[in-house]
Amino acid sequence: MLLIPLIYFILLAAYFYMKHKCFNLDIAATIILITISFFSILIDINDVYGDYGINEYSVTLPTILLYCVQWTIILLPIHYISCIKLQKHESHKQLFLFILIIILIASSLIMIATSLSDIKEALIMDMVDVYKQNDTLRSLGGHGESNYLMLIPQLFVAAPFPTLALFLWFYLKTFTKVPAIIRLGLLVASIVQAILSIIVAGRAALIYWIFDFFLLFGYFYQYLSPRLKKGISIASIAIGGIIITQLLIITISRFGEDSGRGGKVDPLISLYAYAGQHVNNFCAVISEGGDAPLQLGRVLPLTNKIMNHQDFDLIQHYENIHASVNIIVNVFDTFGGEVFLDLGWFGYIVFFFVWLFVTQIIRYNWQEMTFYRAFLLIILIAFFTRGLFAWPFVGHYTTLALMLIATVSMLFKYTFRI
């Protein structure tokens, strides 16, 4: 049955290609789903269920079809947007665009500077020791004391702002001529979360950046000159080599024989388990997660913060679910699996009704892709790349970041006169 999503998404990508006649955003998104489906088959062939963050085999025909339907619905607005031509920003918004870029770059540099000693230590230490040193911090859910002076930079590096920085990098590269230092700064701002994740030997932020880059390359592909396409492709291969090396180092630190986790564990198996566990884990959650308690904290973190006057605790959240279900839940079960776990069938269905409502607005009301509308595209891309793994906007900071990016969009839409 695991062949169903692989064949389906290959056919869907072929359909998108026949419509566009070239590489595009929706095709890039579908290629990622094809890749995940392929690795899920490798997991099945090598029978690594019950390990590496994978639940026992839970695939059924209804759940695998629901998986395909879920991602088809998510792809709909991405597909419609990929068919709309992007318009350049209005000339009188040039100064505001420049200010936004400077804030993004400055925020990322501040966050890196304040974490520089930890990053240096992580780079000097063996990656296994980095993981061990931070394992206790992660298990306690600790993030240190709040520093309100860091509120603005923290918001501007929270998702989806790194995706915005990468979008602006492609946008400036495609439509304008700006100093190379500005583009370099935006590139740093786009990958700041991956740089900071070195401290805890994390892989997710690197994966998010790769997927963001791939999707935005697909979106801007139609606007790029042949020379730029070639240059970006070569640069991507070089950067990809560095990132893959980093991923291998981190993977060995987590799953190597000397990781302190006991027993022999194959880092290479863990790589394709990491890449393909989403399908089976989603099916496991849908099949076995119906008894999980209703919890708003993960999906609606700001509401939780206001109502309960406390930050969302992911570790406690998982413990509450574990007490009610007999599956592993702190795994990659896609955003849909986590919505189902937290809000049940009612919340899952309501979410997709809202998504389809937004999709209909895009399909019938958007005749052109004005610059301010691109901010919704950025949110969609960030949702897709992170939602492949889990609920993408955990914590009230990300909710505030979404509200802030919506505000920025409105500033590009309207002209204010004093």
Protein backbone atom coordinates (compact mmCIF):
# COMPACT_ATOMS: atom_id res chain seq x y z
CA MET A 1 0.00 0.00 0.00
CA LEU A 2 2.97 2.30 0.43
CA LEU A 3 3.22 2.39 -3.35
CA ILE A 4 -0.05 4.35 -3.46
CA PRO A 5 1.35 7.74 -2.32
CA LEU A 6 4.50 7.28 -4.41
CA ILE A 7 2.57 6.58 -7.63
CA TYR A 8 -0.07 9.21 -6.84
CA PHE A 9 2.40 12.04 -6.24
CA ILE A 10 4.44 11.09 -9.33
CA LEU A 11 1.28 11.35 -11.42
CA LEU A 12 0.36 14.64 -9.72
CA ALA A 13 3.80 16.09 -10.47
CA ALA A 14 3.43 15.00 -14.09
CA TYR A 15 0.05 16.75 -14.25
CA PHE A 16 1.51 19.97 -12.85
CA TYR A 17 4.37 19.79 -15.35
CA MET A 18 1.97 19.38 -18.27
CA LYS A 19 0.14 22.52 -17.12
CA HIS A 20 3.24 24.69 -16.64
CA LYS A 21 5.56 23.17 -19.25
CA CYS A 22 8.44 23.96 -16.89
CA PHE A 23 9.66 23.48 -13.33
CA ASN A 24 7.54 25.40 -10.81
CA LEU A 25 6.61 25.76 -7.15
CA ASP A 26 3.91 23.09 -7.06
CA ILE A 27 6.16 20.61 -8.85
CA ALA A 28 8.94 21.25 -6.31
CA ALA A 29 6.51 20.65 -3.42
CA THR A 30 5.27 17.42 -4.99
CA ILE A 31 8.85 16.20 -5.57
CA ILE A 32 9.44 16.48 -1.82
CA LEU A 33 6.33 14.35 -1.18
CA ILE A 34 7.57 11.83 -3.75
CA THR A 35 10.93 11.66 -1.94
CA ILE A 36 9.26 11.06 1.43
CA SER A 37 7.06 8.35 -0.12
CA PHE A 38 10.14 6.67 -1.62
CA PHE A 39 11.95 6.56 1.71
CA SER A 40 8.84 5.20 3.41
CA ILE A 41 9.13 2.22 1.08
CA LEU A 42 12.79 1.75 2.06
CA ILE A 43 11.68 1.70 5.69
CA ASP A 44 9.20 -1.05 4.82
CA ILE A 45 11.69 -3.08 2.78
CA ASN A 46 14.25 -3.00 5.62
CA ASP A 47 11.57 -3.46 8.30
CA VAL A 48 12.80 -0.82 10.72
CA TYR A 49 9.40 -0.22 12.30
CA GLY A 50 9.41 0.33 16.04
CA ASP A 51 12.81 2.06 16.00
CA TYR A 52 14.41 5.31 14.81
CA GLY A 53 11.31 7.28 15.77
CA ILE A 54 9.00 5.07 13.70
CA ASN A 55 5.85 3.48 15.08
CA GLU A 56 5.00 -0.14 14.43
CA TYR A 57 3.51 -0.76 10.98
CA SER A 58 0.15 1.00 10.96
CA VAL A 59 -0.65 1.58 7.29
CA THR A 60 -4.21 0.84 6.20
CA LEU A 61 -6.01 1.71 2.99
CA PRO A 62 -8.20 4.43 4.60
CA THR A 63 -5.26 6.10 6.37
CA ILE A 64 -2.97 6.03 3.33
CA LEU A 65 -5.74 7.53 1.17
CA LEU A 66 -6.33 10.21 3.82
CA TYR A 67 -2.61 10.99 3.72
CA CYS A 68 -2.85 11.59 -0.03
CA VAL A 69 -6.02 13.67 0.31
CA GLN A 70 -4.47 15.77 3.09
CA TRP A 71 -1.47 16.78 1.02
CA THR A 72 -3.54 17.30 -2.12
CA ILE A 73 -5.63 19.89 -0.26
CA ILE A 74 -2.47 21.56 1.07
CA LEU A 75 -1.03 21.70 -2.46
CA LEU A 76 -4.11 23.41 -3.95
CA PRO A 77 -3.33 27.04 -2.99
CA ILE A 78 0.34 26.45 -3.79
CA HIS A 79 -0.68 25.26 -7.24
CA TYR A 80 -3.00 28.22 -7.89
CA ILE A 81 -0.37 30.71 -6.74
CA SER A 82 2.26 29.13 -8.98
CA CYS A 83 0.03 30.00 -11.96
CA ILE A 84 -0.11 33.74 -11.07
CA LYS A 85 2.58 36.13 -12.27
CA LEU A 86 4.47 37.94 -9.52
CA GLN A 87 4.37 41.75 -9.68
CA LYS A 88 7.25 43.91 -8.46
CA HIS A 89 6.78 46.11 -5.42
CA GLU A 90 5.65 49.70 -5.98
CA SER A 91 8.46 52.20 -6.33
CA HIS A 92 7.29 54.34 -3.39
CA LYS A 93 7.65 51.28 -1.14
CA GLN A 94 11.35 50.96 -1.91
CA LEU A 95 12.48 52.60 1.35
CA PHE A 96 10.18 50.41 3.41
CA LEU A 97 11.50 47.30 1.67
CA PHE A 98 15.05 48.40 2.44
CA ILE A 99 14.16 48.95 6.13
CA LEU A 100 12.57 45.48 6.30
CA ILE A 101 15.70 43.91 4.83
CA ILE A 102 17.96 45.72 7.30
CA ILE A 103 15.80 44.60 10.24
CA LEU A 104 15.91 40.97 9.06
CA ILE A 105 19.70 41.05 8.65
CA ALA A 106 20.31 42.90 11.92
CA SER A 107 18.04 40.55 13.89
CA SER A 108 19.81 37.47 12.58
CA LEU A 109 23.26 38.92 13.31
CA ILE A 110 22.18 39.86 16.85
CA MET A 111 20.88 36.34 17.49
CA ILE A 112 24.09 34.80 16.14
CA ALA A 113 26.27 37.23 18.11
CA THR A 114 24.49 36.51 21.39
CA SER A 115 24.94 32.75 20.80
CA LEU A 116 28.45 32.95 19.34
CA SER A 117 30.28 31.47 22.34
CA ASP A 118 27.94 28.47 22.36
CA ILE A 119 28.33 28.01 18.59
CA LYS A 120 32.14 28.13 18.87
CA GLU A 121 32.06 25.57 21.66
CA ALA A 122 29.78 23.30 19.61
CA LEU A 123 32.08 23.51 16.59
CA ILE A 124 35.16 22.67 18.67
CA MET A 125 33.54 19.85 20.60
CA ASP A 126 32.80 16.46 19.14
CA MET A 127 29.21 16.51 17.88
CA VAL A 128 28.39 13.53 20.12
CA ASP A 129 29.33 15.60 23.16
CA VAL A 130 27.26 18.52 21.89
CA TYR A 131 24.21 16.29 21.68
CA LYS A 132 24.81 14.80 25.14
CA GLN A 133 25.39 18.21 26.71
CA ASN A 134 22.09 19.56 25.41
CA ASP A 135 20.06 16.37 25.87
CA THR A 136 19.18 17.26 29.45
CA LEU A 137 18.14 20.79 28.46
CA ARG A 138 15.82 19.45 25.76
CA SER A 139 14.32 16.83 28.05
CA LEU A 140 13.45 19.50 30.58
CA GLY A 141 12.07 21.78 27.90
CA GLY A 142 14.37 24.55 29.15
CA HIS A 143 15.17 27.59 27.09
CA GLY A 144 16.63 29.92 29.69
CA GLU A 145 15.17 33.09 31.15
CA SER A 146 13.23 35.54 29.04
CA ASN A 147 15.08 38.62 27.83
CA TYR A 148 12.61 41.24 26.72
CA LEU A 149 15.34 43.27 25.01
CA MET A 150 15.67 40.36 22.60
CA LEU A 151 11.96 40.26 21.76
CA ILE A 152 12.27 42.00 18.37
CA PRO A 153 15.23 39.96 17.05
CA GLN A 154 13.61 36.76 18.33
CA LEU A 155 10.43 37.57 16.43
CA PHE A 156 12.31 38.37 13.23
CA VAL A 157 14.15 35.04 13.25
CA ALA A 158 11.05 32.98 14.14
CA ALA A 159 9.19 31.17 11.37
CA PRO A 160 8.17 32.30 8.79
CA PHE A 161 10.70 35.19 8.73
CA PRO A 162 13.67 33.01 7.61
CA THR A 163 11.49 31.97 4.65
CA LEU A 164 10.77 35.66 3.98
CA ALA A 165 14.51 36.41 4.00
CA LEU A 166 15.11 33.67 1.44
CA PHE A 167 12.20 34.90 -0.68
CA LEU A 168 13.71 38.40 -0.70
CA TRP A 169 17.10 36.95 -1.64
CA PHE A 170 15.57 35.35 -4.72
CA TYR A 171 13.45 38.45 -5.40
CA LEU A 172 16.41 40.84 -5.33
CA LYS A 173 18.50 38.42 -7.36
CA THR A 174 15.76 38.22 -9.99
CA PHE A 175 14.26 41.70 -10.26
CA THR A 176 16.67 44.27 -8.83
CA LYS A 177 20.31 45.20 -8.58
CA VAL A 178 21.55 45.60 -5.03
CA PRO A 179 25.01 45.28 -3.44
CA ALA A 180 26.16 41.70 -2.93
CA ILE A 181 26.54 42.36 0.81
CA ILE A 182 22.75 42.86 1.09
CA ARG A 183 22.04 39.56 -0.63
CA LEU A 184 24.64 37.83 1.55
CA GLY A 185 23.00 39.28 4.64
CA LEU A 186 19.61 37.96 3.55
CA LEU A 187 21.12 34.53 2.95
CA VAL A 188 22.48 34.55 6.50
CA ALA A 189 19.07 35.70 7.80
CA SER A 190 17.40 32.81 5.96
CA ILE A 191 19.67 30.20 7.50
CA VAL A 192 20.00 31.72 10.98
CA GLN A 193 17.91 28.98 12.61
CA ALA A 194 20.19 26.32 11.12
CA ILE A 195 23.24 28.19 12.44
CA LEU A 196 21.73 28.41 15.92
CA SER A 197 20.73 24.73 15.81
CA ILE A 198 24.44 23.80 15.77
CA ILE A 199 24.35 24.41 19.51
CA VAL A 200 21.99 21.47 20.07
CA ALA A 201 23.13 19.28 17.16
CA GLY A 202 19.76 19.77 15.49
CA ARG A 203 18.91 18.65 11.95
CA ALA A 204 15.42 20.03 11.40
CA ALA A 205 16.40 23.65 10.73
CA LEU A 206 18.84 22.54 8.03
CA ILE A 207 16.12 20.46 6.37
CA TYR A 208 13.65 23.34 6.55
CA TRP A 209 16.15 25.63 4.83
CA ILE A 210 16.85 23.10 2.07
CA PHE A 211 13.13 22.65 1.42
CA ASP A 212 12.45 26.41 1.54
CA PHE A 213 15.27 26.98 -0.93
CA PHE A 214 14.01 24.24 -3.25
CA LEU A 215 10.43 25.53 -3.24
CA LEU A 216 11.45 29.16 -3.78
CA PHE A 217 13.83 28.14 -6.54
CA GLY A 218 10.83 26.42 -8.13
CA TYR A 219 8.71 29.55 -7.72
CA PHE A 220 11.28 31.94 -9.20
CA TYR A 221 12.47 29.49 -11.87
CA GLN A 222 10.19 30.99 -14.52
CA TYR A 223 11.62 34.48 -13.85
CA LEU A 224 15.32 33.58 -13.75
CA SER A 225 17.61 34.07 -16.73
CA PRO A 226 19.46 30.97 -17.99
CA ARG A 227 22.66 32.39 -16.52
CA LEU A 228 21.10 32.82 -13.09
CA LYS A 229 19.53 29.36 -13.21
CA LYS A 230 22.93 27.85 -13.91
CA GLY A 231 24.67 29.94 -11.25
CA ILE A 232 22.12 29.16 -8.55
CA SER A 233 22.17 25.46 -9.46
CA ILE A 234 25.97 25.30 -9.11
CA ALA A 235 25.88 27.22 -5.84
CA SER A 236 23.10 24.96 -4.58
CA ILE A 237 25.17 21.85 -5.27
CA ALA A 238 28.13 23.31 -3.37
CA ILE A 239 26.00 24.43 -0.42
CA GLY A 240 24.11 21.13 -0.51
CA GLY A 241 27.38 19.22 -0.17
CA ILE A 242 28.26 21.19 2.96
CA ILE A 243 24.78 20.70 4.43
CA ILE A 244 24.76 16.96 3.72
CA THR A 245 28.14 16.67 5.46
CA GLN A 246 26.74 18.52 8.47
CA LEU A 247 23.67 16.26 8.50
CA LEU A 248 25.86 13.16 8.43
CA ILE A 249 27.94 14.47 11.34
CA ILE A 250 24.84 15.27 13.37
CA THR A 251 23.27 11.91 12.51
CA ILE A 252 26.37 10.01 13.60
CA SER A 253 26.41 12.04 16.82
CA ARG A 254 22.85 10.96 17.54
CA PHE A 255 22.86 7.38 16.31
CA GLY A 256 26.49 6.27 16.21
CA GLU A 257 27.77 3.47 18.43
CA ASP A 258 29.32 5.96 20.83
CA SER A 259 26.21 8.06 21.19
CA GLY A 260 25.57 6.67 24.65
CA ARG A 261 22.19 5.27 23.69
CA GLY A 262 23.25 1.64 23.95
CA GLY A 263 23.46 -1.05 21.29
CA LYS A 264 24.52 -0.83 17.68
CA VAL A 265 22.61 1.67 15.61
CA ASP A 266 23.20 2.31 11.92
CA PRO A 267 23.44 6.06 11.14
CA LEU A 268 22.63 5.45 7.45
CA ILE A 269 19.41 3.62 8.31
CA SER A 270 18.53 6.50 10.61
CA LEU A 271 18.85 8.89 7.66
CA TYR A 272 16.18 7.24 5.53
CA ALA A 273 14.13 6.56 8.63
CA TYR A 274 14.30 10.30 9.30
CA ALA A 275 13.30 11.04 5.71
CA GLY A 276 10.43 8.57 5.35
CA GLN A 277 8.81 8.01 8.76
CA HIS A 278 6.09 10.60 8.11
CA VAL A 279 3.76 8.24 6.24
CA ASN A 280 3.59 5.40 8.75
CA ASN A 281 3.57 7.74 11.75
CA PHE A 282 0.64 9.68 10.29
CA CYS A 283 -1.26 6.43 9.75
CA ALA A 284 -0.44 5.34 13.33
CA VAL A 285 -1.74 8.61 14.78
CA ILE A 286 -4.98 8.45 12.79
CA SER A 287 -5.52 4.79 13.71
CA GLU A 288 -4.57 4.92 17.39
CA GLY A 289 -4.70 8.59 18.47
CA GLY A 290 -8.45 9.02 18.84
CA ASP A 291 -8.31 8.80 22.65
CA ALA A 292 -5.80 11.64 23.07
CA PRO A 293 -7.04 14.48 25.33
CA LEU A 294 -8.20 17.78 23.82
CA GLN A 295 -5.31 20.26 24.02
CA LEU A 296 -5.06 23.72 22.46
CA GLY A 297 -1.51 24.61 23.48
CA ARG A 298 0.37 23.37 20.41
CA VAL A 299 -1.98 24.46 17.63
CA LEU A 300 -3.10 27.71 19.35
CA PRO A 301 -0.08 28.64 21.51
CA LEU A 302 -0.91 32.33 21.95
CA THR A 303 -4.45 31.45 23.11
CA ASN A 304 -2.90 29.04 25.59
CA LYS A 305 -0.48 31.73 26.77
CA ILE A 306 -3.29 34.25 27.35
CA MET A 307 -5.73 31.80 28.97
CA ASN A 308 -3.31 29.84 31.16
CA HIS A 309 -0.62 32.52 31.67
CA GLN A 310 2.15 30.07 30.89
CA ASP A 311 4.34 29.06 27.97
CA PHE A 312 3.53 25.95 26.00
CA ASP A 313 5.53 22.99 27.34
CA LEU A 314 6.08 20.46 24.55
CA ILE A 315 7.49 17.80 26.85
CA GLN A 316 4.46 17.97 29.15
CA HIS A 317 2.22 18.00 26.09
CA TYR A 318 3.71 14.71 24.89
CA GLU A 319 3.40 13.18 28.36
CA ASN A 320 -0.31 14.05 28.45
CA ILE A 321 -0.83 12.30 25.11
CA HIS A 322 1.32 9.28 26.03
CA ALA A 323 -0.93 8.67 29.03
CA SER A 324 -3.88 8.08 26.68
CA VAL A 325 -2.49 6.38 23.56
CA ASN A 326 -0.19 3.43 22.87
CA ILE A 327 1.93 4.91 20.10
CA ILE A 328 5.05 7.07 19.88
CA VAL A 329 3.86 10.66 19.45
CA ASN A 330 7.07 12.71 19.65
CA VAL A 331 7.83 11.80 16.04
CA PHE A 332 7.26 13.16 12.54
CA ASP A 333 3.56 12.58 12.03
CA THR A 334 2.93 15.65 9.82
CA PHE A 335 0.94 18.70 10.85
CA GLY A 336 -2.28 16.76 10.20
CA GLY A 337 -1.37 14.04 12.65
CA GLU A 338 -0.72 16.61 15.35
CA VAL A 339 -3.93 18.53 14.67
CA PHE A 340 -5.79 15.23 14.98
CA LEU A 341 -4.01 14.32 18.22
CA ASP A 342 -4.72 17.71 19.81
CA LEU A 343 -8.18 18.56 18.45
CA GLY A 344 -9.63 15.27 17.22
CA TRP A 345 -11.67 14.73 14.08
CA PHE A 346 -13.62 17.94 14.63
CA GLY A 347 -10.51 20.11 14.71
CA TYR A 348 -8.93 18.21 11.81
CA ILE A 349 -11.98 18.72 9.57
CA VAL A 350 -12.45 22.38 10.59
CA PHE A 351 -8.80 23.07 9.76
CA PHE A 352 -9.26 21.82 6.20
CA PHE A 353 -12.51 23.72 5.75
CA VAL A 354 -10.63 26.91 6.64
CA TRP A 355 -7.76 25.94 4.31
CA LEU A 356 -10.17 25.29 1.43
CA PHE A 357 -11.91 28.62 2.11
CA VAL A 358 -8.58 30.45 1.75
CA THR A 359 -7.84 28.37 -1.35
CA GLN A 360 -11.08 29.50 -2.98
CA ILE A 361 -10.23 33.16 -2.29
CA ILE A 362 -6.85 32.70 -3.96
CA ARG A 363 -8.32 30.82 -6.92
CA TYR A 364 -11.14 33.23 -7.76
CA ASN A 365 -10.05 36.62 -6.39
CA TRP A 366 -6.33 36.76 -7.11
CA GLN A 367 -5.82 37.86 -10.70
CA GLU A 368 -2.24 38.97 -10.09
CA MET A 369 0.41 38.26 -7.48
CA THR A 370 0.96 41.73 -6.04
CA PHE A 371 3.95 42.07 -3.73
CA TYR A 372 1.96 42.26 -0.50
CA ARG A 373 0.23 38.97 -1.38
CA ALA A 374 3.63 37.30 -1.56
CA PHE A 375 3.67 37.34 2.24
CA LEU A 376 0.84 34.79 2.27
CA LEU A 377 2.88 32.67 -0.13
CA ILE A 378 5.77 32.85 2.33
CA ILE A 379 3.51 31.62 5.13
CA LEU A 380 2.23 28.79 2.91
CA ILE A 381 5.77 27.69 2.04
CA ALA A 382 6.88 27.82 5.68
CA PHE A 383 3.77 25.86 6.65
CA PHE A 384 4.41 23.23 3.99
CA THR A 385 8.11 22.64 4.68
CA ARG A 386 7.65 22.46 8.45
CA GLY A 387 4.24 20.80 8.30
CA LEU A 388 5.79 17.83 6.54
CA PHE A 389 7.22 16.93 9.94
CA ALA A 390 4.91 18.34 12.62
CA TRP A 391 2.73 21.32 13.50
CA PRO A 392 4.84 24.13 12.01
CA PHE A 393 4.20 27.10 14.29
CA VAL A 394 4.79 25.89 17.86
CA GLY A 395 5.08 28.48 20.62
CA HIS A 396 3.53 31.92 21.05
CA TYR A 397 6.56 33.59 19.46
CA THR A 398 5.69 32.04 16.11
CA THR A 399 2.08 33.22 16.47
CA LEU A 400 3.35 36.74 17.15
CA ALA A 401 5.67 36.39 14.15
CA LEU A 402 2.71 35.43 11.94
CA MET A 403 0.78 38.46 13.18
CA LEU A 404 3.81 40.65 12.52
CA ILE A 405 4.30 39.37 8.98
CA ALA A 406 0.60 39.97 8.27
CA THR A 407 1.07 43.54 9.51
CA VAL A 408 4.10 43.99 7.24
CA SER A 409 1.99 42.74 4.33
CA MET A 410 -0.62 45.41 5.03
CA LEU A 411 2.09 48.09 5.11
CA PHE A 412 3.02 47.10 1.57
CA LYS A 413 -0.62 47.05 0.50
CA TYR A 414 -1.72 50.48 1.78
CA THR A 415 -0.19 53.91 1.52
CA PHE A 416 -0.22 55.88 4.76
CA ARG A 417 0.00 59.65 4.70
CA ILE A 418 0.85 61.83 7.68
